[in-house]
Amino acid sequence: MDDIERIARRLKPQDVRVLIAVVEAGSMHKAAARLRTSQSAISRAIADLEHSVGERLLERSRHGIEPTPYGRVLVKRGVAAFDEFRQGVRDIKFLADPSAGELRIGCTEAMAAGPVLAVIEELTRQHPHLVFRLMTGSILVLYPALTARQVELVISPAPGAIPAEHVNVASLFEDNALVMAGIQSRWARWRRIELEELVNEPWTLPAPGSSLGIIVEAAFRARGLPPPAPTVVTESSNIRNRLAATGRFLTVFSEYSLRFPRTDHAQLGPSLKALPVELPGARRTVKVITLKNRALSPLAELFIDRMRAVTKPLAKEK
């Protein structure tokens, strides 16, 4: 038996759980309250853990108790291990009763209101006891949530390069970004618009580092133009679309949003119009992103299969 195997056999899962609680709480006193035990029991568990691994796992700072580099490694692996245990229990329950189960999904707001909602409606009609927990936001929010195992999968048009060593990335369909305005906007009557004509217009846009934000900035720079300075910056497509519907603001959102009936744009009816203006480089690939070395649950696999079926018409388009 080598040293690693010997140390692993000495580790107690409950002690690792205590370490995670202390790091999350920032103190042994708060961790004890969270775990409903005594502070001396917490100290004992940490001491046993440090004795088992042969390294100091915690240190005091002016901010409270913080993990050492060794502690951070063990916490990271511990979080992953307990997540796998919980997911294993969910998998067993789902296999025993496919009508029940829970799936945590990260996606953009527009995606949630479009194809994700279409799949959820289909699956919950077939299996009324399924539970879906959605986290919406840009990839800047969703990618950290995926690596922290707060969601099992992310569906997003991911901008730039995502560290490939940590995730699996599979393409779903190609999308295009459209410039939108209210039907009473003066731009809605134009048959052809050049991008430079829109630089100084009032815009409402998502954050610069988001997928759509990157597309807008890159499109203007490709024409040798400064990106527009938005009047309202928000990740909420509902707010952006409502501002555009007033006729005062321009905005952008995904073309696929027009293909699904339950989107914010559809709820606004005919109050928005896609403008005849080209955004260079606006085409992007919507992807399913999952963690490497993390087996997908049966429900996640079912969800991805249904997403591919729902978006198949979009995947065929060029």
Protein backbone atom coordinates (compact mmCIF):
# COMPACT_ATOMS: atom_id res chain seq x y z
CA MET A 1 0.00 0.00 0.00
CA ASP A 2 1.53 3.35 -1.05
CA ASP A 3 1.44 6.55 0.99
CA ILE A 4 -1.45 8.09 -0.98
CA GLU A 5 -3.65 5.03 -0.46
CA ARG A 6 -2.72 4.92 3.23
CA ILE A 7 -3.63 8.59 3.74
CA ALA A 8 -6.88 8.22 1.76
CA ARG A 9 -7.96 5.34 3.99
CA ARG A 10 -7.38 7.46 7.10
CA LEU A 11 -9.47 10.37 5.80
CA LYS A 12 -12.96 10.59 7.27
CA PRO A 13 -15.63 12.09 4.97
CA GLN A 14 -17.20 13.87 7.94
CA ASP A 15 -13.90 15.59 8.76
CA VAL A 16 -13.64 16.80 5.17
CA ARG A 17 -17.20 18.10 5.41
CA VAL A 18 -16.18 20.00 8.57
CA LEU A 19 -13.21 21.54 6.74
CA ILE A 20 -15.49 22.71 3.92
CA ALA A 21 -17.92 24.22 6.44
CA VAL A 22 -15.12 26.10 8.25
CA VAL A 23 -13.76 27.53 5.00
CA GLU A 24 -17.23 28.56 3.83
CA ALA A 25 -18.12 30.11 7.19
CA GLY A 26 -14.73 31.74 7.80
CA SER A 27 -14.60 30.64 11.44
CA MET A 28 -14.88 27.52 13.58
CA HIS A 29 -17.56 29.12 15.72
CA LYS A 30 -19.84 29.78 12.74
CA ALA A 31 -19.11 26.34 11.29
CA ALA A 32 -20.07 24.74 14.60
CA ALA A 33 -23.38 26.60 14.58
CA ARG A 34 -24.02 25.59 10.97
CA LEU A 35 -23.27 21.92 11.68
CA ARG A 36 -25.03 22.01 15.06
CA THR A 37 -22.02 20.76 16.98
CA SER A 38 -19.47 22.17 19.42
CA GLN A 39 -16.43 24.25 18.53
CA SER A 40 -14.22 21.69 20.26
CA ALA A 41 -15.60 18.97 17.95
CA ILE A 42 -14.77 21.19 14.97
CA SER A 43 -11.22 21.75 16.22
CA ARG A 44 -10.79 18.02 16.83
CA ALA A 45 -11.97 17.14 13.31
CA ILE A 46 -9.57 19.65 11.73
CA ALA A 47 -6.68 18.37 13.88
CA ASP A 48 -7.41 14.76 12.84
CA LEU A 49 -7.55 15.81 9.20
CA GLU A 50 -4.24 17.69 9.41
CA HIS A 51 -2.65 14.69 11.12
CA SER A 52 -3.91 12.38 8.36
CA VAL A 53 -2.59 14.46 5.45
CA GLY A 54 0.52 15.66 7.30
CA GLU A 55 0.03 19.31 6.37
CA ARG A 56 -1.50 22.44 7.92
CA LEU A 57 -4.89 23.08 6.30
CA LEU A 58 -6.06 26.31 7.96
CA GLU A 59 -4.45 29.55 9.06
CA ARG A 60 -5.69 32.67 10.78
CA SER A 61 -5.67 36.05 9.07
CA ARG A 62 -7.21 39.44 9.73
CA HIS A 63 -10.19 38.26 7.69
CA GLY A 64 -10.72 35.18 9.86
CA ILE A 65 -9.76 31.59 9.17
CA GLU A 66 -8.60 30.90 5.63
CA PRO A 67 -7.39 27.71 3.95
CA THR A 68 -3.72 27.14 3.23
CA PRO A 69 -2.83 25.99 -0.32
CA TYR A 70 -3.15 22.41 0.99
CA GLY A 71 -6.54 23.23 2.49
CA ARG A 72 -7.79 24.78 -0.74
CA VAL A 73 -6.89 21.64 -2.67
CA LEU A 74 -8.69 19.37 -0.20
CA VAL A 75 -11.76 21.62 -0.13
CA LYS A 76 -11.94 21.68 -3.92
CA ARG A 77 -11.74 17.90 -4.15
CA GLY A 78 -14.11 17.48 -1.22
CA VAL A 79 -16.77 19.68 -2.80
CA ALA A 80 -16.51 17.62 -5.99
CA ALA A 81 -16.72 14.32 -4.10
CA PHE A 82 -19.80 15.28 -2.08
CA ASP A 83 -21.42 16.65 -5.22
CA GLU A 84 -20.87 13.30 -6.93
CA PHE A 85 -22.40 11.48 -3.95
CA ARG A 86 -25.49 13.70 -4.05
CA GLN A 87 -25.76 13.30 -7.80
CA GLY A 88 -25.49 9.53 -7.39
CA VAL A 89 -28.48 9.54 -5.06
CA ARG A 90 -30.44 11.69 -7.55
CA ASP A 91 -29.52 9.29 -10.36
CA ILE A 92 -30.75 6.29 -8.36
CA LYS A 93 -34.04 8.04 -7.60
CA PHE A 94 -34.48 9.03 -11.26
CA LEU A 95 -33.74 5.50 -12.51
CA ALA A 96 -36.17 4.09 -9.95
CA ASP A 97 -38.81 6.65 -10.93
CA PRO A 98 -38.17 8.48 -14.25
CA SER A 99 -41.13 10.76 -13.57
CA ALA A 100 -39.15 12.44 -10.74
CA GLY A 101 -35.76 14.12 -10.60
CA GLU A 102 -34.00 17.48 -10.44
CA LEU A 103 -31.74 19.25 -12.93
CA ARG A 104 -29.81 22.50 -12.44
CA ILE A 105 -29.27 24.43 -15.67
CA GLY A 106 -27.36 27.61 -16.46
CA CYS A 107 -28.37 29.61 -19.53
CA THR A 108 -28.92 33.09 -20.86
CA GLU A 109 -32.26 34.75 -20.19
CA ALA A 110 -33.22 34.63 -23.86
CA MET A 111 -32.32 30.94 -24.02
CA ALA A 112 -34.38 30.28 -20.90
CA ALA A 113 -37.39 31.95 -22.51
CA GLY A 114 -36.86 30.10 -25.80
CA PRO A 115 -35.64 26.53 -26.42
CA VAL A 116 -34.93 25.74 -22.75
CA LEU A 117 -38.52 26.62 -21.85
CA ALA A 118 -39.79 24.54 -24.78
CA VAL A 119 -37.93 21.46 -23.53
CA ILE A 120 -38.98 22.02 -19.91
CA GLU A 121 -42.63 22.30 -20.96
CA GLU A 122 -42.35 19.06 -22.93
CA LEU A 123 -40.64 17.08 -20.17
CA THR A 124 -42.85 18.34 -17.35
CA ARG A 125 -45.95 17.44 -19.34
CA GLN A 126 -44.62 13.90 -19.64
CA HIS A 127 -43.24 13.77 -16.08
CA PRO A 128 -45.06 16.26 -13.81
CA HIS A 129 -42.80 15.67 -10.80
CA LEU A 130 -39.55 16.73 -12.46
CA VAL A 131 -37.89 19.82 -10.98
CA PHE A 132 -35.74 22.25 -12.98
CA ARG A 133 -33.65 24.95 -11.32
CA LEU A 134 -32.53 27.68 -13.73
CA MET A 135 -29.67 30.12 -13.24
CA THR A 136 -29.74 32.86 -15.88
CA GLY A 137 -26.95 35.25 -16.78
CA SER A 138 -24.00 35.75 -19.10
CA ILE A 139 -21.25 33.18 -19.55
CA LEU A 140 -19.18 35.34 -17.15
CA VAL A 141 -21.57 34.23 -14.40
CA LEU A 142 -22.49 30.78 -15.68
CA TYR A 143 -19.00 29.37 -16.24
CA PRO A 144 -17.91 29.90 -12.59
CA ALA A 145 -21.24 28.41 -11.47
CA LEU A 146 -20.52 25.32 -13.58
CA THR A 147 -17.00 24.86 -12.19
CA ALA A 148 -18.37 25.35 -8.65
CA ARG A 149 -20.95 22.62 -9.44
CA GLN A 150 -23.88 24.94 -8.80
CA VAL A 151 -25.30 23.86 -12.17
CA GLU A 152 -24.85 20.60 -14.05
CA LEU A 153 -24.79 22.06 -17.54
CA VAL A 154 -24.67 25.43 -19.27
CA ILE A 155 -26.35 26.32 -22.56
CA SER A 156 -24.92 29.51 -23.98
CA PRO A 157 -23.27 31.13 -26.97
CA ALA A 158 -19.92 31.21 -25.20
CA PRO A 159 -17.71 34.13 -26.22
CA GLY A 160 -13.98 33.70 -26.58
CA ALA A 161 -12.08 30.68 -25.38
CA ILE A 162 -13.29 28.62 -22.43
CA PRO A 163 -10.52 26.62 -20.71
CA ALA A 164 -10.85 23.32 -22.56
CA GLU A 165 -9.01 21.36 -19.89
CA HIS A 166 -11.95 21.73 -17.50
CA VAL A 167 -15.03 21.35 -19.69
CA ASN A 168 -16.64 19.48 -22.55
CA VAL A 169 -18.16 21.74 -25.21
CA ALA A 170 -20.65 20.49 -27.81
CA SER A 171 -22.32 22.62 -30.48
CA LEU A 172 -26.11 22.89 -30.69
CA PHE A 173 -26.89 25.38 -33.47
CA GLU A 174 -25.73 28.55 -35.20
CA ASP A 175 -27.30 31.86 -34.19
CA ASN A 176 -27.21 35.44 -35.42
CA ALA A 177 -27.47 38.73 -33.51
CA LEU A 178 -30.03 41.30 -34.67
CA VAL A 179 -30.31 45.04 -34.05
CA MET A 180 -33.83 45.78 -32.81
CA ALA A 181 -35.91 48.95 -32.48
CA GLY A 182 -39.49 49.85 -31.62
CA ILE A 183 -41.88 50.05 -34.58
CA GLN A 184 -42.42 53.76 -33.89
CA SER A 185 -38.67 54.41 -34.07
CA ARG A 186 -37.59 56.47 -37.08
CA TRP A 187 -35.15 53.67 -37.90
CA ALA A 188 -38.00 51.17 -38.33
CA ARG A 189 -38.99 52.87 -41.63
CA TRP A 190 -35.54 52.65 -43.20
CA ARG A 191 -34.87 49.99 -45.86
CA ARG A 192 -31.09 50.05 -45.46
CA ILE A 193 -29.00 51.27 -42.56
CA GLU A 194 -25.22 51.56 -42.24
CA LEU A 195 -23.67 50.77 -38.90
CA GLU A 196 -21.95 54.16 -38.62
CA GLU A 197 -25.36 55.85 -38.59
CA LEU A 198 -26.18 54.16 -35.28
CA VAL A 199 -23.04 54.95 -33.27
CA ASN A 200 -24.48 57.96 -31.44
CA GLU A 201 -28.01 56.60 -30.97
CA PRO A 202 -29.28 55.69 -27.48
CA TRP A 203 -28.58 51.99 -26.88
CA THR A 204 -29.50 49.51 -24.17
CA LEU A 205 -27.03 46.63 -24.13
CA PRO A 206 -25.81 43.76 -21.96
CA ALA A 207 -22.45 44.02 -20.20
CA PRO A 208 -19.40 44.51 -22.46
CA GLY A 209 -17.94 41.11 -21.59
CA SER A 210 -21.15 39.21 -22.32
CA SER A 211 -21.73 37.29 -25.55
CA LEU A 212 -23.93 39.94 -27.18
CA GLY A 213 -21.80 42.74 -25.75
CA ILE A 214 -18.70 41.26 -27.39
CA ILE A 215 -20.51 40.93 -30.72
CA VAL A 216 -21.64 44.58 -30.72
CA GLU A 217 -18.20 45.89 -29.80
CA ALA A 218 -16.45 43.69 -32.40
CA ALA A 219 -18.95 44.62 -35.14
CA PHE A 220 -18.39 48.35 -34.72
CA ARG A 221 -14.62 47.99 -34.46
CA ALA A 222 -14.62 45.86 -37.64
CA ARG A 223 -16.05 48.91 -39.42
CA GLY A 224 -13.41 51.17 -37.88
CA LEU A 225 -16.01 52.69 -35.54
CA PRO A 226 -16.06 53.23 -31.77
CA PRO A 227 -18.58 50.97 -30.01
CA PRO A 228 -21.76 52.74 -28.90
CA ALA A 229 -21.83 53.98 -25.31
CA PRO A 230 -25.05 52.42 -23.97
CA THR A 231 -27.46 54.52 -21.94
CA VAL A 232 -28.75 51.45 -20.07
CA VAL A 233 -26.58 48.39 -19.37
CA THR A 234 -28.46 45.29 -18.19
CA GLU A 235 -28.38 41.52 -18.69
CA SER A 236 -32.19 41.46 -18.62
CA SER A 237 -33.49 40.96 -22.15
CA ASN A 238 -36.96 41.81 -20.85
CA ILE A 239 -35.82 45.30 -19.77
CA ARG A 240 -33.82 45.87 -22.96
CA ASN A 241 -36.74 44.87 -25.16
CA ARG A 242 -39.18 47.05 -23.26
CA LEU A 243 -36.88 50.03 -23.55
CA ALA A 244 -36.48 49.39 -27.28
CA ALA A 245 -40.26 49.13 -27.64
CA THR A 246 -40.58 52.77 -26.59
CA GLY A 247 -38.92 53.76 -29.86
CA ARG A 248 -36.12 55.66 -28.12
CA PHE A 249 -33.53 52.89 -27.77
CA LEU A 250 -31.75 50.38 -29.96
CA THR A 251 -30.79 46.94 -28.67
CA VAL A 252 -29.59 43.54 -29.85
CA PHE A 253 -30.75 40.03 -29.18
CA SER A 254 -30.56 36.56 -30.60
CA GLU A 255 -32.32 35.61 -33.82
CA TYR A 256 -33.45 32.31 -32.30
CA SER A 257 -35.60 34.32 -29.91
CA LEU A 258 -37.92 35.04 -32.84
CA ARG A 259 -38.43 31.32 -33.48
CA PHE A 260 -39.94 30.41 -30.12
CA PRO A 261 -43.37 31.73 -29.04
CA ARG A 262 -42.70 32.19 -25.32
CA THR A 263 -40.03 34.87 -25.45
CA ASP A 264 -40.11 38.41 -24.07
CA HIS A 265 -40.13 39.69 -27.63
CA ALA A 266 -43.23 37.66 -28.45
CA GLN A 267 -44.98 38.95 -25.34
CA LEU A 268 -44.41 42.47 -26.64
CA GLY A 269 -46.14 41.44 -29.87
CA PRO A 270 -45.38 43.51 -32.97
CA SER A 271 -43.80 46.38 -31.01
CA LEU A 272 -40.22 45.49 -32.04
CA LYS A 273 -38.64 45.22 -35.47
CA ALA A 274 -35.31 43.87 -36.70
CA LEU A 275 -33.43 46.64 -38.48
CA PRO A 276 -31.82 46.16 -41.93
CA VAL A 277 -28.27 46.64 -40.69
CA GLU A 278 -25.39 44.17 -40.88
CA LEU A 279 -23.39 43.29 -37.78
CA PRO A 280 -20.04 41.87 -39.00
CA GLY A 281 -19.12 38.66 -37.21
CA ALA A 282 -22.53 38.39 -35.54
CA ARG A 283 -22.96 34.67 -36.18
CA ARG A 284 -22.08 32.49 -33.20
CA THR A 285 -22.51 28.92 -32.05
CA VAL A 286 -24.79 28.06 -29.14
CA LYS A 287 -23.16 25.30 -27.08
CA VAL A 288 -23.79 22.80 -24.32
CA ILE A 289 -21.00 23.04 -21.76
CA THR A 290 -20.42 20.40 -19.08
CA LEU A 291 -17.61 19.59 -16.67
CA LYS A 292 -15.00 17.04 -17.62
CA ASN A 293 -14.68 14.04 -15.30
CA ARG A 294 -18.25 14.53 -14.10
CA ALA A 295 -20.73 11.93 -15.29
CA LEU A 296 -23.96 13.49 -16.51
CA SER A 297 -27.13 12.45 -14.74
CA PRO A 298 -29.73 10.51 -16.76
CA LEU A 299 -32.01 13.55 -16.59
CA ALA A 300 -29.27 15.82 -17.95
CA GLU A 301 -28.68 13.42 -20.84
CA LEU A 302 -32.42 13.33 -21.55
CA PHE A 303 -32.59 17.13 -21.44
CA ILE A 304 -29.68 17.52 -23.88
CA ASP A 305 -31.25 14.98 -26.26
CA ARG A 306 -34.52 16.94 -26.26
CA MET A 307 -32.62 20.23 -26.74
CA ARG A 308 -31.02 18.79 -29.86
CA ALA A 309 -34.42 17.73 -31.16
CA VAL A 310 -36.04 21.11 -30.46
CA THR A 311 -33.19 23.10 -32.01
CA LYS A 312 -32.60 20.73 -34.96
CA PRO A 313 -34.30 23.11 -37.45
CA LEU A 314 -31.93 25.89 -36.31
CA ALA A 315 -28.90 23.60 -36.54
CA LYS A 316 -29.64 22.96 -40.22
CA GLU A 317 -29.78 26.63 -41.12
CA LYS A 318 -26.72 28.43 -42.46
